[in-house]
């Protein structure tokens, strides 16, 4: 609001300067975050969680694939009249 009362060139300069200040503050916060992650070994912890989730997701996908493969075979047999009533 204060910049809206100034001449155009000062308003543009003020907006750019404020943007630069916000950028530098966010950059500093990100650098602190990176150092904190290194200090607490959070990346190693996230890698362990990722490996664990990948392992169980792969097992789940294999089971789903087996079920869908079995169903497609049964559907073909059913459409051909080869599957008996259970």
PDB file of N, CA and C in Angstrom:
ATOM      1  N   UNK A   1       0.821  -1.189   0.000  1.00  0.00           N
ATOM      2  CA  UNK A   1       0.000   0.000   0.000  1.00  0.00           C
ATOM      3  C   UNK A   1       0.872   1.263   0.000  1.00  0.00           C
ATOM      4  N   UNK A   2       1.961   1.184   0.722  1.00  0.00           N
ATOM      5  CA  UNK A   2       2.813   2.376   0.798  1.00  0.00           C
ATOM      6  C   UNK A   2       3.417   2.698  -0.564  1.00  0.00           C
ATOM      7  N   UNK A   3       3.709   1.644  -1.353  1.00  0.00           N
ATOM      8  CA  UNK A   3       4.318   1.873  -2.663  1.00  0.00           C
ATOM      9  C   UNK A   3       3.329   2.486  -3.652  1.00  0.00           C
ATOM     10  N   UNK A   4       2.049   2.260  -3.445  1.00  0.00           N
ATOM     11  CA  UNK A   4       1.060   2.799  -4.389  1.00  0.00           C
ATOM     12  C   UNK A   4       0.988   4.323  -4.335  1.00  0.00           C
ATOM     13  N   UNK A   5       1.480   4.915  -3.278  1.00  0.00           N
ATOM     14  CA  UNK A   5       1.464   6.375  -3.133  1.00  0.00           C
ATOM     15  C   UNK A   5       2.710   7.027  -3.741  1.00  0.00           C
ATOM     16  N   UNK A   6       3.677   6.210  -4.156  1.00  0.00           N
ATOM     17  CA  UNK A   6       4.953   6.733  -4.685  1.00  0.00           C
ATOM     18  C   UNK A   6       4.865   6.880  -6.204  1.00  0.00           C
ATOM     19  N   UNK A   7       5.825   7.592  -6.782  1.00  0.00           N
ATOM     20  CA  UNK A   7       5.900   7.672  -8.251  1.00  0.00           C
ATOM     21  C   UNK A   7       6.151   6.285  -8.863  1.00  0.00           C
ATOM     22  N   UNK A   8       5.831   6.144 -10.130  1.00  0.00           N
ATOM     23  CA  UNK A   8       5.878   4.848 -10.810  1.00  0.00           C
ATOM     24  C   UNK A   8       7.256   4.185 -10.718  1.00  0.00           C
ATOM     25  N   UNK A   9       8.330   4.949 -10.972  1.00  0.00           N
ATOM     26  CA  UNK A   9       9.660   4.344 -10.950  1.00  0.00           C
ATOM     27  C   UNK A   9      10.022   3.831  -9.547  1.00  0.00           C
ATOM     28  N   UNK A  10       9.606   4.540  -8.491  1.00  0.00           N
ATOM     29  CA  UNK A  10       9.872   4.066  -7.133  1.00  0.00           C
ATOM     30  C   UNK A  10       9.013   2.845  -6.795  1.00  0.00           C
ATOM     31  N   UNK A  11       7.784   2.818  -7.313  1.00  0.00           N
ATOM     32  CA  UNK A  11       6.914   1.683  -7.066  1.00  0.00           C
ATOM     33  C   UNK A  11       7.497   0.418  -7.706  1.00  0.00           C
ATOM     34  N   UNK A  12       7.949   0.530  -8.954  1.00  0.00           N
ATOM     35  CA  UNK A  12       8.539  -0.622  -9.647  1.00  0.00           C
ATOM     36  C   UNK A  12       9.803  -1.066  -8.921  1.00  0.00           C
ATOM     37  N   UNK A  13      10.644  -0.133  -8.545  1.00  0.00           N
ATOM     38  CA  UNK A  13      11.870  -0.452  -7.825  1.00  0.00           C
ATOM     39  C   UNK A  13      11.550  -1.110  -6.474  1.00  0.00           C
ATOM     40  N   UNK A  14      10.550  -0.616  -5.785  1.00  0.00           N
ATOM     41  CA  UNK A  14      10.154  -1.183  -4.497  1.00  0.00           C
ATOM     42  C   UNK A  14       9.614  -2.603  -4.630  1.00  0.00           C
ATOM     43  N   UNK A  15       8.820  -2.847  -5.652  1.00  0.00           N
ATOM     44  CA  UNK A  15       8.284  -4.193  -5.876  1.00  0.00           C
ATOM     45  C   UNK A  15       9.428  -5.166  -6.178  1.00  0.00           C
ATOM     46  N   UNK A  16      10.348  -4.766  -7.031  1.00  0.00           N
ATOM     47  CA  UNK A  16      11.494  -5.629  -7.356  1.00  0.00           C
ATOM     48  C   UNK A  16      12.362  -5.883  -6.125  1.00  0.00           C
ATOM     49  N   UNK A  17      12.597  -4.841  -5.340  1.00  0.00           N
ATOM     50  CA  UNK A  17      13.415  -4.983  -4.140  1.00  0.00           C
ATOM     51  C   UNK A  17      12.732  -5.907  -3.124  1.00  0.00           C
ATOM     52  N   UNK A  18      11.436  -5.731  -2.927  1.00  0.00           N
ATOM     53  CA  UNK A  18      10.698  -6.609  -2.013  1.00  0.00           C
ATOM     54  C   UNK A  18      10.712  -8.057  -2.497  1.00  0.00           C
ATOM     55  N   UNK A  19      10.592  -8.247  -3.798  1.00  0.00           N
ATOM     56  CA  UNK A  19      10.649  -9.596  -4.357  1.00  0.00           C
ATOM     57  C   UNK A  19      12.012 -10.233  -4.110  1.00  0.00           C
ATOM     58  N   UNK A  20      13.054  -9.447  -4.288  1.00  0.00           N
ATOM     59  CA  UNK A  20      14.410  -9.939  -4.041  1.00  0.00           C
ATOM     60  C   UNK A  20      14.597 -10.316  -2.567  1.00  0.00           C
ATOM     61  N   UNK A  21      14.083  -9.505  -1.673  1.00  0.00           N
ATOM     62  CA  UNK A  21      14.190  -9.793  -0.235  1.00  0.00           C
ATOM     63  C   UNK A  21      13.466 -11.091   0.112  1.00  0.00           C
ATOM     64  N   UNK A  22      12.258 -11.280  -0.432  1.00  0.00           N
ATOM     65  CA  UNK A  22      11.504 -12.517  -0.176  1.00  0.00           C
ATOM     66  C   UNK A  22      12.267 -13.716  -0.733  1.00  0.00           C
ATOM     67  N   UNK A  23      12.838 -13.575  -1.939  1.00  0.00           N
ATOM     68  CA  UNK A  23      13.603 -14.661  -2.540  1.00  0.00           C
ATOM     69  C   UNK A  23      14.806 -15.044  -1.672  1.00  0.00           C
ATOM     70  N   UNK A  24      15.550 -14.065  -1.205  1.00  0.00           N
ATOM     71  CA  UNK A  24      16.741 -14.325  -0.380  1.00  0.00           C
ATOM     72  C   UNK A  24      16.340 -14.989   0.940  1.00  0.00           C
ATOM     73  N   UNK A  25      15.257 -14.537   1.547  1.00  0.00           N
ATOM     74  CA  UNK A  25      14.794 -15.162   2.796  1.00  0.00           C
ATOM     75  C   UNK A  25      14.373 -16.621   2.576  1.00  0.00           C
ATOM     76  N   UNK A  26      13.685 -16.879   1.482  1.00  0.00           N
ATOM     77  CA  UNK A  26      13.282 -18.263   1.183  1.00  0.00           C
ATOM     78  C   UNK A  26      14.500 -19.132   0.865  1.00  0.00           C
ATOM     79  N   UNK A  27      15.465 -18.564   0.174  1.00  0.00           N
ATOM     80  CA  UNK A  27      16.696 -19.288  -0.123  1.00  0.00           C
ATOM     81  C   UNK A  27      17.438 -19.638   1.163  1.00  0.00           C
ATOM     82  N   UNK A  28      17.505 -18.693   2.094  1.00  0.00           N
ATOM     83  CA  UNK A  28      18.160 -18.942   3.381  1.00  0.00           C
ATOM     84  C   UNK A  28      17.415 -20.028   4.159  1.00  0.00           C
ATOM     85  N   UNK A  29      16.092 -19.991   4.145  1.00  0.00           N
ATOM     86  CA  UNK A  29      15.303 -21.016   4.836  1.00  0.00           C
ATOM     87  C   UNK A  29      15.549 -22.381   4.220  1.00  0.00           C
ATOM     88  N   UNK A  30      15.676 -22.450   2.903  1.00  0.00           N
ATOM     89  CA  UNK A  30      15.936 -23.724   2.235  1.00  0.00           C
ATOM     90  C   UNK A  30      17.328 -24.247   2.577  1.00  0.00           C
ATOM     91  N   UNK A  31      18.301 -23.370   2.665  1.00  0.00           N
ATOM     92  CA  UNK A  31      19.652 -23.795   3.052  1.00  0.00           C
ATOM     93  C   UNK A  31      19.665 -24.348   4.485  1.00  0.00           C
ATOM     94  N   UNK A  32      18.915 -23.719   5.367  1.00  0.00           N
ATOM     95  CA  UNK A  32      18.805 -24.215   6.744  1.00  0.00           C
ATOM     96  C   UNK A  32      18.140 -25.590   6.743  1.00  0.00           C
ATOM     97  N   UNK A  33      17.096 -25.744   5.916  1.00  0.00           N
ATOM     98  CA  UNK A  33      16.406 -27.039   5.822  1.00  0.00           C
ATOM     99  C   UNK A  33      17.349 -28.137   5.323  1.00  0.00           C
ATOM    100  N   UNK A  34      18.147 -27.820   4.315  1.00  0.00           N
ATOM    101  CA  UNK A  34      19.095 -28.804   3.778  1.00  0.00           C
ATOM    102  C   UNK A  34      20.084 -29.233   4.856  1.00  0.00           C
ATOM    103  N   UNK A  35      20.629 -28.276   5.593  1.00  0.00           N
ATOM    104  CA  UNK A  35      21.584 -28.608   6.652  1.00  0.00           C
ATOM    105  C   UNK A  35      20.918 -29.424   7.760  1.00  0.00           C
ATOM    106  N   UNK A  36      19.700 -29.104   8.091  1.00  0.00           N
ATOM    107  CA  UNK A  36      18.963 -29.846   9.109  1.00  0.00           C
ATOM    108  C   UNK A  36      18.714 -31.278   8.657  1.00  0.00           C
ATOM    109  N   UNK A  37      18.354 -31.470   7.387  1.00  0.00           N
ATOM    110  CA  UNK A  37      18.155 -32.823   6.858  1.00  0.00           C
ATOM    111  C   UNK A  37      19.460 -33.621   6.928  1.00  0.00           C
ATOM    112  N   UNK A  38      20.585 -32.969   6.610  1.00  0.00           N
ATOM    113  CA  UNK A  38      21.877 -33.657   6.688  1.00  0.00           C
ATOM    114  C   UNK A  38      22.210 -34.029   8.130  1.00  0.00           C
ATOM    115  N   UNK A  39      21.979 -33.123   9.047  1.00  0.00           N
ATOM    116  CA  UNK A  39      22.300 -33.335  10.452  1.00  0.00           C
ATOM    117  C   UNK A  39      21.475 -34.480  11.039  1.00  0.00           C
ATOM    118  N   UNK A  40      20.206 -34.539  10.682  1.00  0.00           N
ATOM    119  CA  UNK A  40      19.309 -35.555  11.243  1.00  0.00           C
ATOM    120  C   UNK A  40      19.236 -36.829  10.403  1.00  0.00           C
ATOM    121  N   UNK A  41      19.995 -36.896   9.297  1.00  0.00           N
ATOM    122  CA  UNK A  41      20.029 -38.064   8.407  1.00  0.00           C
ATOM    123  C   UNK A  41      18.625 -38.421   7.914  1.00  0.00           C
ATOM    124  N   UNK A  42      17.858 -37.419   7.589  1.00  0.00           N
ATOM    125  CA  UNK A  42      16.482 -37.649   7.150  1.00  0.00           C
ATOM    126  C   UNK A  42      16.450 -38.318   5.782  1.00  0.00           C
ATOM    127  N   UNK A  43      17.390 -38.013   4.910  1.00  0.00           N
ATOM    128  CA  UNK A  43      17.406 -38.639   3.585  1.00  0.00           C
ATOM    129  C   UNK A  43      17.575 -40.150   3.675  1.00  0.00           C
ATOM    130  N   UNK A  44      18.429 -40.617   4.600  1.00  0.00           N
ATOM    131  CA  UNK A  44      18.600 -42.062   4.776  1.00  0.00           C
ATOM    132  C   UNK A  44      17.306 -42.693   5.265  1.00  0.00           C
ATOM    133  N   UNK A  45      16.630 -42.026   6.184  1.00  0.00           N
ATOM    134  CA  UNK A  45      15.364 -42.518   6.705  1.00  0.00           C
ATOM    135  C   UNK A  45      14.309 -42.573   5.591  1.00  0.00           C
ATOM    136  N   UNK A  46      14.247 -41.534   4.760  1.00  0.00           N
ATOM    137  CA  UNK A  46      13.296 -41.523   3.652  1.00  0.00           C
ATOM    138  C   UNK A  46      13.620 -42.593   2.625  1.00  0.00           C
ATOM    139  N   UNK A  47      14.915 -42.872   2.404  1.00  0.00           N
ATOM    140  CA  UNK A  47      15.297 -43.950   1.500  1.00  0.00           C
ATOM    141  C   UNK A  47      14.829 -45.306   2.030  1.00  0.00           C
ATOM    142  N   UNK A  48      14.949 -45.520   3.335  1.00  0.00           N
ATOM    143  CA  UNK A  48      14.472 -46.776   3.930  1.00  0.00           C
ATOM    144  C   UNK A  48      12.964 -46.926   3.761  1.00  0.00           C
ATOM    145  N   UNK A  49      12.239 -45.873   4.010  1.00  0.00           N
ATOM    146  CA  UNK A  49      10.785 -45.925   3.844  1.00  0.00           C
ATOM    147  C   UNK A  49      10.426 -46.178   2.382  1.00  0.00           C
ATOM    148  N   UNK A  50      11.127 -45.524   1.479  1.00  0.00           N
ATOM    149  CA  UNK A  50      10.871 -45.700   0.054  1.00  0.00           C
ATOM    150  C   UNK A  50      11.138 -47.133  -0.382  1.00  0.00           C
ATOM    151  N   UNK A  51      12.238 -47.712   0.066  1.00  0.00           N
ATOM    152  CA  UNK A  51      12.545 -49.106  -0.261  1.00  0.00           C
ATOM    153  C   UNK A  51      11.482 -50.048   0.272  1.00  0.00           C
ATOM    154  N   UNK A  52      11.051 -49.818   1.505  1.00  0.00           N
ATOM    155  CA  UNK A  52      10.031 -50.671   2.120  1.00  0.00           C
ATOM    156  C   UNK A  52       8.712 -50.574   1.347  1.00  0.00           C
ATOM    157  N   UNK A  53       8.300 -49.351   1.009  1.00  0.00           N
ATOM    158  CA  UNK A  53       7.059 -49.169   0.265  1.00  0.00           C
ATOM    159  C   UNK A  53       7.148 -49.780  -1.129  1.00  0.00           C
ATOM    160  N   UNK A  54       8.293 -49.636  -1.780  1.00  0.00           N
ATOM    161  CA  UNK A  54       8.476 -50.214  -3.114  1.00  0.00           C
ATOM    162  C   UNK A  54       8.370 -51.735  -3.067  1.00  0.00           C
ATOM    163  N   UNK A  55       8.967 -52.325  -2.054  1.00  0.00           N
ATOM    164  CA  UNK A  55       8.927 -53.772  -1.907  1.00  0.00           C
ATOM    165  C   UNK A  55       7.484 -54.263  -1.781  1.00  0.00           C
ATOM    166  N   UNK A  56       6.717 -53.646  -0.906  1.00  0.00           N
ATOM    167  CA  UNK A  56       5.350 -54.095  -0.702  1.00  0.00           C
ATOM    168  C   UNK A  56       4.435 -53.708  -1.858  1.00  0.00           C
ATOM    169  N   UNK A  57       4.719 -52.617  -2.526  1.00  0.00           N
ATOM    170  CA  UNK A  57       3.923 -52.244  -3.690  1.00  0.00           C
ATOM    171  C   UNK A  57       4.162 -53.228  -4.829  1.00  0.00           C
ATOM    172  N   UNK A  58       5.407 -53.665  -5.007  1.00  0.00           N
ATOM    173  CA  UNK A  58       5.708 -54.657  -6.037  1.00  0.00           C
ATOM    174  C   UNK A  58       5.012 -55.974  -5.742  1.00  0.00           C
ATOM    175  N   UNK A  59       5.028 -56.399  -4.472  1.00  0.00           N
ATOM    176  CA  UNK A  59       4.324 -57.631  -4.114  1.00  0.00           C
ATOM    177  C   UNK A  59       2.826 -57.495  -4.390  1.00  0.00           C
ATOM    178  N   UNK A  60       2.250 -56.364  -4.051  1.00  0.00           N
ATOM    179  CA  UNK A  60       0.831 -56.124  -4.292  1.00  0.00           C
ATOM    180  C   UNK A  60       0.519 -56.161  -5.788  1.00  0.00           C
ATOM    181  N   UNK A  61       1.365 -55.509  -6.589  1.00  0.00           N
ATOM    182  CA  UNK A  61       1.145 -55.482  -8.034  1.00  0.00           C
ATOM    183  C   UNK A  61       1.249 -56.876  -8.646  1.00  0.00           C
ATOM    184  N   UNK A  62       2.183 -57.680  -8.143  1.00  0.00           N
ATOM    185  CA  UNK A  62       2.304 -59.050  -8.638  1.00  0.00           C
ATOM    186  C   UNK A  62       1.050 -59.848  -8.331  1.00  0.00           C
ATOM    187  N   UNK A  63       0.502 -59.693  -7.120  1.00  0.00           N
ATOM    188  CA  UNK A  63      -0.715 -60.416  -6.759  1.00  0.00           C
ATOM    189  C   UNK A  63      -1.891 -59.950  -7.611  1.00  0.00           C
ATOM    190  N   UNK A  64      -1.986 -58.656  -7.840  1.00  0.00           N
ATOM    191  CA  UNK A  64      -3.072 -58.139  -8.668  1.00  0.00           C
ATOM    192  C   UNK A  64      -2.936 -58.654 -10.090  1.00  0.00           C
ATOM    193  N   UNK A  65      -1.718 -58.686 -10.590  1.00  0.00           N
ATOM    194  CA  UNK A  65      -1.490 -59.173 -11.952  1.00  0.00           C
ATOM    195  C   UNK A  65      -1.861 -60.638 -12.050  1.00  0.00           C
ATOM    196  N   UNK A  66      -1.477 -61.446 -11.043  1.00  0.00           N
ATOM    197  CA  UNK A  66      -1.828 -62.865 -11.057  1.00  0.00           C
ATOM    198  C   UNK A  66      -3.332 -63.040 -11.027  1.00  0.00           C
ATOM    199  N   UNK A  67      -4.013 -62.245 -10.211  1.00  0.00           N
ATOM    200  CA  UNK A  67      -5.472 -62.342 -10.130  1.00  0.00           C
ATOM    201  C   UNK A  67      -6.110 -61.940 -11.451  1.00  0.00           C
ATOM    202  N   UNK A  68      -5.610 -60.878 -12.052  1.00  0.00           N
ATOM    203  CA  UNK A  68      -6.209 -60.427 -13.304  1.00  0.00           C
ATOM    204  C   UNK A  68      -5.907 -61.405 -14.430  1.00  0.00           C
ATOM    205  N   UNK A  69      -4.709 -62.031 -14.425  1.00  0.00           N
ATOM    206  CA  UNK A  69      -4.380 -63.036 -15.432  1.00  0.00           C
ATOM    207  C   UNK A  69      -5.294 -64.251 -15.270  1.00  0.00           C
ATOM    208  N   UNK A  70      -5.501 -64.673 -14.039  1.00  0.00           N
ATOM    209  CA  UNK A  70      -6.376 -65.812 -13.784  1.00  0.00           C
ATOM    210  C   UNK A  70      -7.804 -65.514 -14.179  1.00  0.00           C
ATOM    211  N   UNK A  71      -8.264 -64.326 -13.932  1.00  0.00           N
ATOM    212  CA  UNK A  71      -9.624 -63.945 -14.301  1.00  0.00           C
ATOM    213  C   UNK A  71      -9.795 -63.866 -15.805  1.00  0.00           C
ATOM    214  N   UNK A  72      -8.768 -63.402 -16.512  1.00  0.00           N
ATOM    215  CA  UNK A  72      -8.892 -63.319 -17.963  1.00  0.00           C
ATOM    216  C   UNK A  72      -8.948 -64.710 -18.574  1.00  0.00           C
ATOM    217  N   UNK A  73      -8.200 -65.676 -18.005  1.00  0.00           N
ATOM    218  CA  UNK A  73      -8.252 -67.055 -18.481  1.00  0.00           C
ATOM    219  C   UNK A  73      -9.635 -67.629 -18.211  1.00  0.00           C
ATOM    220  N   UNK A  74     -10.160 -67.405 -16.991  1.00  0.00           N
ATOM    221  CA  UNK A  74     -11.488 -67.902 -16.649  1.00  0.00           C
ATOM    222  C   UNK A  74     -12.562 -67.254 -17.514  1.00  0.00           C
ATOM    223  N   UNK A  75     -12.411 -65.981 -17.823  1.00  0.00           N
ATOM    224  CA  UNK A  75     -13.387 -65.299 -18.676  1.00  0.00           C
ATOM    225  C   UNK A  75     -13.376 -65.867 -20.085  1.00  0.00           C
ATOM    226  N   UNK A  76     -12.188 -66.195 -20.601  1.00  0.00           N
ATOM    227  CA  UNK A  76     -12.103 -66.799 -21.933  1.00  0.00           C
ATOM    228  C   UNK A  76     -12.773 -68.165 -21.933  1.00  0.00           C
ATOM    229  N   UNK A  77     -12.490 -68.971 -20.881  1.00  0.00           N
ATOM    230  CA  UNK A  77     -13.104 -70.292 -20.801  1.00  0.00           C
ATOM    231  C   UNK A  77     -14.612 -70.177 -20.668  1.00  0.00           C
ATOM    232  N   UNK A  78     -15.066 -69.214 -19.898  1.00  0.00           N
ATOM    233  CA  UNK A  78     -16.493 -69.016 -19.687  1.00  0.00           C
ATOM    234  C   UNK A  78     -17.169 -68.613 -20.996  1.00  0.00           C
ATOM    235  N   UNK A  79     -16.507 -67.714 -21.734  1.00  0.00           N
ATOM    236  CA  UNK A  79     -17.102 -67.277 -22.997  1.00  0.00           C
ATOM    237  C   UNK A  79     -17.109 -68.405 -24.023  1.00  0.00           C
ATOM    238  N   UNK A  80     -16.193 -69.362 -23.891  1.00  0.00           N
ATOM    239  CA  UNK A  80     -16.144 -70.497 -24.802  1.00  0.00           C
ATOM    240  C   UNK A  80     -16.987 -71.660 -24.290  1.00  0.00           C
ATOM    241  N   UNK A  81     -17.545 -71.519 -23.100  1.00  0.00           N
ATOM    242  CA  UNK A  81     -18.398 -72.570 -22.541  1.00  0.00           C
ATOM    243  C   UNK A  81     -17.614 -73.718 -21.946  1.00  0.00           C
ATOM    244  N   UNK A  82     -16.329 -73.522 -21.663  1.00  0.00           N
ATOM    245  CA  UNK A  82     -15.492 -74.591 -21.130  1.00  0.00           C
ATOM    246  C   UNK A  82     -15.443 -74.602 -19.619  1.00  0.00           C
ATOM    247  N   UNK A  83     -15.926 -73.567 -18.971  1.00  0.00           N
ATOM    248  CA  UNK A  83     -15.862 -73.491 -17.507  1.00  0.00           C
ATOM    249  C   UNK A  83     -17.162 -74.029 -16.948  1.00  0.00           C
ATOM    250  N   UNK A  84     -17.061 -75.045 -16.081  1.00  0.00           N
ATOM    251  CA  UNK A  84     -18.246 -75.650 -15.488  1.00  0.00           C
ATOM    252  C   UNK A  84     -18.732 -74.835 -14.310  1.00  0.00           C
ATOM    253  N   UNK A  85     -20.000 -74.993 -13.990  1.00  0.00           N
ATOM    254  CA  UNK A  85     -20.546 -74.319 -12.806  1.00  0.00           C
ATOM    255  C   UNK A  85     -19.889 -74.870 -11.567  1.00  0.00           C
ATOM    256  N   UNK A  86     -19.678 -74.026 -10.613  1.00  0.00           N
ATOM    257  CA  UNK A  86     -19.000 -74.455  -9.378  1.00  0.00           C
ATOM    258  C   UNK A  86     -19.976 -74.816  -8.340  1.00  0.00           C
TER     259      UNK A  86
END
